[in-house]
Amino acid sequence: MVFPIYKTGNSLQSNSSEALSLASKSSLGEIKQGKVIYSIYEALYLVEIRKAEILDSKLKKINFNHLLKKANHTLHVIFKDLRNKGNIVKEGMKFGADFRVYKAGERPGQAHAKYLLYATNSNEKLNLKDFCAKARIAHTTKKILLLAVVDSEEDVNYYEINWKAN
């Protein structure tokens, strides 16, 4: 059954029993005050796997491609790839990262994210200073830096970077 996600302003949320049940089981969305609040990537993923549809304030269905234009396409590809592999993916803004990644079987609130993920495209250059800063943040927060590189065919390669002290 497809459940509704309502877009009001910049917020994506649902109070349907299906949304609440799915959030409890799969950590897609965050339950707050009896509603499930979604990141744009969680909502896009749910639409793509045909679990939800997004409605505007007039209850008109929002086209997937219209919503995708408001997101970062590279991040959408990575989110979908990680979720399809069984990982839990949450926003990483608090850490200056694109995503926090929990290994399959681990849940936010019950375990800490194992990875801080930074996304890039294969045609982008990495700034060494930025890269070192990202590695340091991951290390100081006791997480592993995960660099996700998306190629022109939307395949994702992951590089795990560990901090090594002498």
N, C-alpha and C. Protein backbone atom coordinates (compact mmCIF):
# COMPACT_ATOMS: atom_id res chain seq x y z
N MET A 1 0.83 -1.19 0.00
CA MET A 1 0.00 0.00 0.00
C MET A 1 0.88 1.25 0.00
N VAL A 2 0.51 2.23 -0.79
CA VAL A 2 1.24 3.49 -0.89
C VAL A 2 0.66 4.47 0.12
N PHE A 3 1.54 5.09 0.93
CA PHE A 3 1.05 6.06 1.91
C PHE A 3 1.47 7.47 1.48
N PRO A 4 0.77 8.49 1.98
CA PRO A 4 1.07 9.86 1.58
C PRO A 4 2.16 10.49 2.43
N ILE A 5 3.03 11.26 1.77
CA ILE A 5 3.97 12.15 2.44
C ILE A 5 3.55 13.55 2.01
N TYR A 6 3.35 14.42 2.98
CA TYR A 6 2.88 15.77 2.68
C TYR A 6 4.04 16.75 2.67
N LYS A 7 4.10 17.55 1.63
CA LYS A 7 5.12 18.59 1.52
C LYS A 7 4.48 19.90 1.90
N THR A 8 4.95 20.45 3.01
CA THR A 8 4.47 21.76 3.44
C THR A 8 5.70 22.63 3.65
N GLY A 9 5.85 23.63 2.82
CA GLY A 9 7.06 24.45 2.86
C GLY A 9 8.26 23.57 2.52
N ASN A 10 9.24 23.54 3.40
CA ASN A 10 10.43 22.71 3.19
C ASN A 10 10.34 21.38 3.92
N SER A 11 9.21 21.12 4.55
CA SER A 11 9.04 19.91 5.36
C SER A 11 8.35 18.80 4.57
N LEU A 12 8.83 17.58 4.78
CA LEU A 12 8.21 16.37 4.22
C LEU A 12 7.84 15.49 5.40
N GLN A 13 6.55 15.21 5.55
CA GLN A 13 6.12 14.45 6.72
C GLN A 13 4.86 13.65 6.45
N SER A 14 4.66 12.65 7.30
CA SER A 14 3.46 11.82 7.21
C SER A 14 3.06 11.40 8.61
N ASN A 15 1.75 11.30 8.83
CA ASN A 15 1.25 10.79 10.10
C ASN A 15 0.45 9.51 9.89
N SER A 16 0.61 8.89 8.71
CA SER A 16 -0.13 7.66 8.43
C SER A 16 0.43 6.50 9.25
N SER A 17 -0.41 5.54 9.55
CA SER A 17 0.04 4.38 10.32
C SER A 17 1.11 3.60 9.56
N GLU A 18 1.02 3.56 8.23
CA GLU A 18 2.03 2.87 7.42
C GLU A 18 3.39 3.55 7.56
N ALA A 19 3.40 4.88 7.54
CA ALA A 19 4.65 5.64 7.68
C ALA A 19 5.26 5.40 9.05
N LEU A 20 4.44 5.45 10.09
CA LEU A 20 4.93 5.23 11.45
C LEU A 20 5.48 3.83 11.62
N SER A 21 4.79 2.84 11.07
CA SER A 21 5.24 1.46 11.15
C SER A 21 6.57 1.27 10.41
N LEU A 22 6.66 1.80 9.20
CA LEU A 22 7.87 1.67 8.40
C LEU A 22 9.05 2.37 9.06
N ALA A 23 8.82 3.55 9.63
CA ALA A 23 9.88 4.28 10.31
C ALA A 23 10.41 3.49 11.50
N SER A 24 9.51 2.84 12.23
CA SER A 24 9.91 2.03 13.37
C SER A 24 10.75 0.83 12.95
N LYS A 25 10.38 0.22 11.85
CA LYS A 25 11.07 -0.99 11.39
C LYS A 25 12.36 -0.70 10.63
N SER A 26 12.35 0.35 9.81
CA SER A 26 13.45 0.54 8.86
C SER A 26 14.28 1.80 9.07
N SER A 27 13.90 2.63 10.03
CA SER A 27 14.58 3.91 10.28
C SER A 27 14.54 4.85 9.08
N LEU A 28 13.52 4.71 8.24
CA LEU A 28 13.31 5.69 7.16
C LEU A 28 12.45 6.79 7.74
N GLY A 29 13.04 7.96 7.92
CA GLY A 29 12.35 9.06 8.56
C GLY A 29 12.64 9.06 10.04
N GLU A 30 12.20 10.13 10.69
CA GLU A 30 12.39 10.27 12.14
C GLU A 30 11.05 10.57 12.77
N ILE A 31 10.67 9.77 13.74
CA ILE A 31 9.38 9.96 14.40
C ILE A 31 9.51 11.08 15.43
N LYS A 32 8.65 12.11 15.27
CA LYS A 32 8.62 13.24 16.20
C LYS A 32 7.16 13.64 16.40
N GLN A 33 6.72 13.64 17.63
CA GLN A 33 5.37 14.08 17.99
C GLN A 33 4.29 13.41 17.14
N GLY A 34 4.40 12.10 16.97
CA GLY A 34 3.38 11.34 16.27
C GLY A 34 3.41 11.44 14.76
N LYS A 35 4.44 12.09 14.22
CA LYS A 35 4.61 12.22 12.77
C LYS A 35 5.97 11.68 12.38
N VAL A 36 6.10 11.33 11.12
CA VAL A 36 7.39 10.93 10.59
C VAL A 36 7.89 12.07 9.71
N ILE A 37 9.07 12.57 10.04
CA ILE A 37 9.70 13.65 9.29
C ILE A 37 10.76 13.01 8.39
N TYR A 38 10.75 13.37 7.11
CA TYR A 38 11.66 12.77 6.13
C TYR A 38 12.64 13.78 5.58
N SER A 39 13.86 13.32 5.32
CA SER A 39 14.78 14.12 4.51
C SER A 39 14.30 13.98 3.07
N ILE A 40 14.75 14.84 2.20
CA ILE A 40 14.35 14.75 0.79
C ILE A 40 14.80 13.42 0.19
N TYR A 41 15.94 12.90 0.64
CA TYR A 41 16.46 11.64 0.08
C TYR A 41 15.65 10.45 0.55
N GLU A 42 15.19 10.48 1.80
CA GLU A 42 14.32 9.41 2.28
C GLU A 42 13.00 9.42 1.52
N ALA A 43 12.44 10.61 1.32
CA ALA A 43 11.16 10.71 0.60
C ALA A 43 11.31 10.25 -0.84
N LEU A 44 12.37 10.68 -1.51
CA LEU A 44 12.61 10.25 -2.89
C LEU A 44 12.74 8.74 -2.97
N TYR A 45 13.46 8.17 -2.03
CA TYR A 45 13.66 6.72 -2.01
C TYR A 45 12.33 6.00 -1.85
N LEU A 46 11.50 6.47 -0.94
CA LEU A 46 10.19 5.83 -0.71
C LEU A 46 9.30 5.93 -1.94
N VAL A 47 9.36 7.04 -2.65
CA VAL A 47 8.58 7.17 -3.88
C VAL A 47 9.13 6.21 -4.93
N GLU A 48 10.44 6.15 -5.04
CA GLU A 48 11.06 5.30 -6.06
C GLU A 48 10.78 3.82 -5.84
N ILE A 49 10.69 3.39 -4.58
CA ILE A 49 10.39 1.97 -4.32
C ILE A 49 8.88 1.73 -4.17
N ARG A 50 8.12 2.74 -4.51
CA ARG A 50 6.66 2.67 -4.55
C ARG A 50 6.00 2.36 -3.19
N LYS A 51 6.57 2.96 -2.16
CA LYS A 51 5.96 2.84 -0.82
C LYS A 51 5.16 4.09 -0.48
N ALA A 52 5.50 5.22 -1.14
CA ALA A 52 4.85 6.49 -0.80
C ALA A 52 4.67 7.35 -2.04
N GLU A 53 3.81 8.35 -1.88
CA GLU A 53 3.67 9.39 -2.89
C GLU A 53 3.69 10.71 -2.14
N ILE A 54 4.16 11.74 -2.81
CA ILE A 54 4.29 13.04 -2.16
C ILE A 54 3.19 13.94 -2.67
N LEU A 55 2.51 14.58 -1.72
CA LEU A 55 1.38 15.46 -2.04
C LEU A 55 1.69 16.87 -1.56
N ASP A 56 1.25 17.86 -2.33
CA ASP A 56 1.43 19.25 -1.91
C ASP A 56 0.30 19.65 -0.96
N SER A 57 0.28 20.92 -0.57
CA SER A 57 -0.72 21.38 0.40
C SER A 57 -2.15 21.30 -0.13
N LYS A 58 -2.30 21.20 -1.47
CA LYS A 58 -3.63 21.06 -2.07
C LYS A 58 -3.95 19.59 -2.37
N LEU A 59 -3.12 18.69 -1.82
CA LEU A 59 -3.25 17.23 -1.98
C LEU A 59 -3.07 16.77 -3.42
N LYS A 60 -2.34 17.56 -4.18
CA LYS A 60 -1.99 17.20 -5.56
C LYS A 60 -0.66 16.46 -5.54
N LYS A 61 -0.59 15.37 -6.29
CA LYS A 61 0.62 14.55 -6.33
C LYS A 61 1.77 15.33 -6.96
N ILE A 62 2.94 15.29 -6.30
CA ILE A 62 4.14 15.94 -6.81
C ILE A 62 4.92 14.92 -7.61
N ASN A 63 5.28 15.29 -8.81
CA ASN A 63 6.03 14.44 -9.72
C ASN A 63 7.42 14.16 -9.14
N PHE A 64 7.86 12.89 -9.23
CA PHE A 64 9.17 12.47 -8.73
C PHE A 64 10.29 13.33 -9.32
N ASN A 65 10.28 13.54 -10.63
CA ASN A 65 11.34 14.32 -11.27
C ASN A 65 11.36 15.77 -10.81
N HIS A 66 10.19 16.31 -10.51
CA HIS A 66 10.11 17.68 -9.99
C HIS A 66 10.81 17.75 -8.62
N LEU A 67 10.56 16.77 -7.78
CA LEU A 67 11.18 16.73 -6.46
C LEU A 67 12.68 16.47 -6.57
N LEU A 68 13.07 15.60 -7.49
CA LEU A 68 14.48 15.27 -7.68
C LEU A 68 15.29 16.52 -8.08
N LYS A 69 14.66 17.44 -8.80
CA LYS A 69 15.35 18.68 -9.20
C LYS A 69 15.74 19.52 -7.99
N LYS A 70 15.02 19.36 -6.89
CA LYS A 70 15.31 20.12 -5.68
C LYS A 70 16.39 19.46 -4.82
N ALA A 71 16.79 18.27 -5.21
CA ALA A 71 17.80 17.51 -4.45
C ALA A 71 19.12 17.49 -5.23
N ASN A 72 20.14 17.03 -4.57
CA ASN A 72 21.43 16.81 -5.22
C ASN A 72 21.39 15.40 -5.81
N HIS A 73 21.49 15.31 -7.13
CA HIS A 73 21.34 14.02 -7.80
C HIS A 73 22.39 13.01 -7.34
N THR A 74 23.62 13.46 -7.15
CA THR A 74 24.69 12.57 -6.69
C THR A 74 24.34 11.97 -5.33
N LEU A 75 23.83 12.80 -4.43
CA LEU A 75 23.46 12.31 -3.10
C LEU A 75 22.29 11.33 -3.18
N HIS A 76 21.36 11.59 -4.08
CA HIS A 76 20.24 10.67 -4.26
C HIS A 76 20.73 9.29 -4.71
N VAL A 77 21.65 9.27 -5.66
CA VAL A 77 22.21 8.00 -6.17
C VAL A 77 22.91 7.24 -5.04
N ILE A 78 23.68 7.94 -4.23
CA ILE A 78 24.40 7.31 -3.12
C ILE A 78 23.43 6.82 -2.06
N PHE A 79 22.45 7.65 -1.69
CA PHE A 79 21.47 7.24 -0.68
C PHE A 79 20.79 5.95 -1.10
N LYS A 80 20.32 5.93 -2.34
CA LYS A 80 19.61 4.75 -2.86
C LYS A 80 20.52 3.52 -2.85
N ASP A 81 21.76 3.68 -3.27
CA ASP A 81 22.71 2.56 -3.30
C ASP A 81 22.95 2.00 -1.89
N LEU A 82 23.17 2.88 -0.94
CA LEU A 82 23.43 2.43 0.43
C LEU A 82 22.20 1.76 1.05
N ARG A 83 21.02 2.33 0.84
CA ARG A 83 19.79 1.73 1.37
C ARG A 83 19.55 0.36 0.74
N ASN A 84 19.78 0.25 -0.56
CA ASN A 84 19.59 -1.03 -1.24
C ASN A 84 20.56 -2.09 -0.73
N LYS A 85 21.66 -1.66 -0.13
CA LYS A 85 22.64 -2.59 0.46
C LYS A 85 22.34 -2.87 1.93
N GLY A 86 21.25 -2.30 2.45
CA GLY A 86 20.83 -2.59 3.82
C GLY A 86 21.31 -1.62 4.87
N ASN A 87 22.01 -0.57 4.48
CA ASN A 87 22.52 0.41 5.46
C ASN A 87 21.44 1.42 5.83
N ILE A 88 21.57 2.00 6.99
CA ILE A 88 20.72 3.11 7.41
C ILE A 88 21.50 4.38 7.11
N VAL A 89 20.86 5.33 6.44
CA VAL A 89 21.53 6.55 6.00
C VAL A 89 20.77 7.75 6.56
N LYS A 90 21.49 8.61 7.25
CA LYS A 90 20.89 9.81 7.83
C LYS A 90 21.72 11.03 7.44
N GLU A 91 21.12 12.20 7.52
CA GLU A 91 21.84 13.42 7.17
C GLU A 91 23.04 13.59 8.09
N GLY A 92 24.11 14.15 7.54
CA GLY A 92 25.34 14.31 8.29
C GLY A 92 25.75 15.74 8.53
N MET A 93 24.83 16.68 8.31
CA MET A 93 25.13 18.11 8.41
C MET A 93 25.78 18.48 9.74
N LYS A 94 25.34 17.88 10.82
CA LYS A 94 25.88 18.18 12.15
C LYS A 94 27.38 17.95 12.20
N PHE A 95 27.88 17.04 11.37
CA PHE A 95 29.29 16.70 11.33
C PHE A 95 29.99 17.30 10.12
N GLY A 96 29.29 18.12 9.35
CA GLY A 96 29.87 18.68 8.15
C GLY A 96 30.00 17.67 7.03
N ALA A 97 29.25 16.58 7.13
CA ALA A 97 29.30 15.51 6.13
C ALA A 97 28.01 15.50 5.33
N ASP A 98 28.01 14.73 4.25
CA ASP A 98 26.78 14.59 3.48
C ASP A 98 25.82 13.63 4.18
N PHE A 99 26.34 12.51 4.68
CA PHE A 99 25.51 11.52 5.37
C PHE A 99 26.27 10.89 6.52
N ARG A 100 25.51 10.39 7.48
CA ARG A 100 26.01 9.44 8.48
C ARG A 100 25.51 8.08 8.02
N VAL A 101 26.34 7.07 8.13
CA VAL A 101 25.95 5.74 7.66
C VAL A 101 26.08 4.75 8.80
N TYR A 102 24.98 4.05 9.04
CA TYR A 102 24.93 2.98 10.04
C TYR A 102 24.98 1.66 9.29
N LYS A 103 25.76 0.74 9.81
CA LYS A 103 25.83 -0.57 9.17
C LYS A 103 24.48 -1.28 9.31
N ALA A 104 24.23 -2.21 8.42
CA ALA A 104 22.99 -2.99 8.45
C ALA A 104 22.81 -3.59 9.84
N GLY A 105 21.61 -3.48 10.37
CA GLY A 105 21.30 -4.02 11.69
C GLY A 105 21.48 -3.02 12.81
N GLU A 106 22.17 -1.93 12.57
CA GLU A 106 22.35 -0.90 13.59
C GLU A 106 21.33 0.21 13.35
N ARG A 107 20.87 0.82 14.44
CA ARG A 107 19.82 1.84 14.33
C ARG A 107 20.23 3.11 15.04
N PRO A 108 19.90 4.26 14.45
CA PRO A 108 20.15 5.53 15.13
C PRO A 108 19.46 5.54 16.49
N GLY A 109 20.14 6.07 17.48
CA GLY A 109 19.59 6.09 18.83
C GLY A 109 19.98 4.87 19.63
N GLN A 110 20.30 3.77 18.96
CA GLN A 110 20.73 2.55 19.64
C GLN A 110 22.21 2.29 19.42
N ALA A 111 22.75 2.86 18.37
CA ALA A 111 24.17 2.72 18.04
C ALA A 111 24.63 4.02 17.39
N HIS A 112 25.93 4.20 17.35
CA HIS A 112 26.48 5.37 16.68
C HIS A 112 26.77 5.01 15.22
N ALA A 113 26.68 6.00 14.35
CA ALA A 113 27.02 5.79 12.95
C ALA A 113 28.47 5.33 12.87
N LYS A 114 28.73 4.41 11.97
CA LYS A 114 30.10 3.93 11.78
C LYS A 114 30.88 4.88 10.87
N TYR A 115 30.16 5.49 9.90
CA TYR A 115 30.82 6.29 8.88
C TYR A 115 30.28 7.70 8.79
N LEU A 116 31.15 8.62 8.40
CA LEU A 116 30.76 9.93 7.90
C LEU A 116 31.06 9.88 6.42
N LEU A 117 30.05 10.14 5.60
CA LEU A 117 30.20 10.00 4.17
C LEU A 117 30.26 11.36 3.49
N TYR A 118 31.22 11.47 2.59
CA TYR A 118 31.34 12.64 1.74
C TYR A 118 31.21 12.17 0.30
N ALA A 119 30.41 12.87 -0.46
CA ALA A 119 30.11 12.47 -1.83
C ALA A 119 30.86 13.34 -2.82
N THR A 120 31.21 12.72 -3.94
CA THR A 120 31.83 13.46 -5.04
C THR A 120 31.54 12.72 -6.34
N ASN A 121 31.77 13.40 -7.43
CA ASN A 121 31.66 12.79 -8.75
C ASN A 121 33.06 12.45 -9.25
N SER A 122 33.15 11.49 -10.12
CA SER A 122 34.46 11.06 -10.61
C SER A 122 35.18 12.15 -11.40
N ASN A 123 34.45 13.17 -11.87
CA ASN A 123 35.09 14.24 -12.63
C ASN A 123 35.46 15.45 -11.77
N GLU A 124 35.22 15.38 -10.47
CA GLU A 124 35.56 16.47 -9.56
C GLU A 124 36.93 16.24 -8.95
N LYS A 125 37.63 17.34 -8.67
CA LYS A 125 38.92 17.26 -8.00
C LYS A 125 38.70 17.47 -6.51
N LEU A 126 39.46 16.73 -5.70
CA LEU A 126 39.39 16.89 -4.26
C LEU A 126 40.48 17.85 -3.80
N ASN A 127 40.12 18.76 -2.94
CA ASN A 127 41.06 19.67 -2.34
C ASN A 127 41.72 18.95 -1.16
N LEU A 128 43.03 18.90 -1.14
CA LEU A 128 43.75 18.16 -0.11
C LEU A 128 43.45 18.68 1.29
N LYS A 129 43.37 20.00 1.46
CA LYS A 129 43.07 20.58 2.79
C LYS A 129 41.69 20.14 3.25
N ASP A 130 40.71 20.22 2.35
CA ASP A 130 39.34 19.80 2.70
C ASP A 130 39.31 18.32 3.05
N PHE A 131 40.02 17.53 2.27
CA PHE A 131 40.06 16.08 2.51
C PHE A 131 40.66 15.77 3.89
N CYS A 132 41.74 16.44 4.24
CA CYS A 132 42.37 16.23 5.55
C CYS A 132 41.43 16.67 6.68
N ALA A 133 40.74 17.78 6.48
CA ALA A 133 39.80 18.27 7.49
C ALA A 133 38.67 17.26 7.69
N LYS A 134 38.17 16.69 6.62
CA LYS A 134 37.11 15.69 6.71
C LYS A 134 37.60 14.44 7.46
N ALA A 135 38.82 14.03 7.17
CA ALA A 135 39.40 12.87 7.85
C ALA A 135 39.56 13.14 9.34
N ARG A 136 39.98 14.34 9.68
CA ARG A 136 40.17 14.70 11.09
C ARG A 136 38.83 14.71 11.83
N ILE A 137 37.79 15.28 11.22
CA ILE A 137 36.47 15.30 11.85
C ILE A 137 35.98 13.88 12.09
N ALA A 138 36.12 13.03 11.09
CA ALA A 138 35.69 11.64 11.25
C ALA A 138 36.46 10.99 12.40
N HIS A 139 37.75 11.21 12.45
CA HIS A 139 38.58 10.60 13.49
C HIS A 139 38.18 11.10 14.88
N THR A 140 38.01 12.42 15.03
CA THR A 140 37.70 12.96 16.35
C THR A 140 36.29 12.58 16.82
N THR A 141 35.40 12.23 15.90
CA THR A 141 34.05 11.79 16.28
C THR A 141 33.96 10.26 16.34
N LYS A 142 35.12 9.60 16.25
CA LYS A 142 35.21 8.14 16.32
C LYS A 142 34.39 7.45 15.24
N LYS A 143 34.49 8.03 14.06
CA LYS A 143 33.84 7.45 12.88
C LYS A 143 34.88 7.26 11.80
N ILE A 144 34.53 6.51 10.79
CA ILE A 144 35.43 6.28 9.66
C ILE A 144 34.96 7.15 8.50
N LEU A 145 35.90 7.79 7.84
CA LEU A 145 35.58 8.59 6.67
C LEU A 145 35.28 7.66 5.50
N LEU A 146 34.14 7.86 4.87
CA LEU A 146 33.74 7.08 3.70
C LEU A 146 33.56 8.07 2.55
N LEU A 147 34.39 7.90 1.54
CA LEU A 147 34.30 8.75 0.35
C LEU A 147 33.53 7.98 -0.70
N ALA A 148 32.44 8.56 -1.18
CA ALA A 148 31.61 7.93 -2.21
C ALA A 148 31.81 8.68 -3.51
N VAL A 149 32.24 7.95 -4.53
CA VAL A 149 32.52 8.55 -5.83
C VAL A 149 31.54 7.96 -6.85
N VAL A 150 30.75 8.85 -7.47
CA VAL A 150 29.76 8.43 -8.46
C VAL A 150 30.33 8.70 -9.84
N ASP A 151 30.31 7.66 -10.69
CA ASP A 151 30.83 7.84 -12.05
C ASP A 151 29.72 8.25 -13.01
N SER A 152 30.06 8.41 -14.27
CA SER A 152 29.11 8.92 -15.27
C SER A 152 27.95 7.95 -15.52
N GLU A 153 28.11 6.68 -15.16
CA GLU A 153 27.02 5.71 -15.33
C GLU A 153 26.24 5.48 -14.03
N GLU A 154 26.48 6.35 -13.06
CA GLU A 154 25.83 6.31 -11.75
C GLU A 154 26.18 5.08 -10.93
N ASP A 155 27.35 4.50 -11.18
CA ASP A 155 27.88 3.46 -10.31
C ASP A 155 28.60 4.17 -9.18
N VAL A 156 28.53 3.60 -7.98
CA VAL A 156 29.15 4.23 -6.82
C VAL A 156 30.30 3.36 -6.33
N ASN A 157 31.44 3.99 -6.13
CA ASN A 157 32.59 3.33 -5.52
C ASN A 157 32.83 3.99 -4.17
N TYR A 158 33.09 3.17 -3.17
CA TYR A 158 33.31 3.67 -1.81
C TYR A 158 34.76 3.44 -1.41
N TYR A 159 35.32 4.46 -0.77
CA TYR A 159 36.68 4.38 -0.27
C TYR A 159 36.65 4.69 1.21
N GLU A 160 37.11 3.74 2.00
CA GLU A 160 37.14 3.90 3.45
C GLU A 160 38.51 4.47 3.81
N ILE A 161 38.51 5.58 4.53
CA ILE A 161 39.76 6.22 4.91
C ILE A 161 39.89 6.18 6.43
N ASN A 162 40.94 5.55 6.89
CA ASN A 162 41.20 5.43 8.32
C ASN A 162 42.34 6.34 8.71
N TRP A 163 42.25 6.91 9.89
CA TRP A 163 43.27 7.78 10.43
C TRP A 163 44.33 6.89 11.08
N LYS A 164 45.57 7.12 10.76
CA LYS A 164 46.64 6.32 11.31
C LYS A 164 47.57 7.22 12.10
N ALA A 165 47.71 6.96 13.38
CA ALA A 165 48.62 7.75 14.24
C ALA A 165 49.95 7.00 14.34
N ASN A 166 51.03 7.76 14.39
CA ASN A 166 52.36 7.14 14.53
C ASN A 166 52.73 6.99 15.98
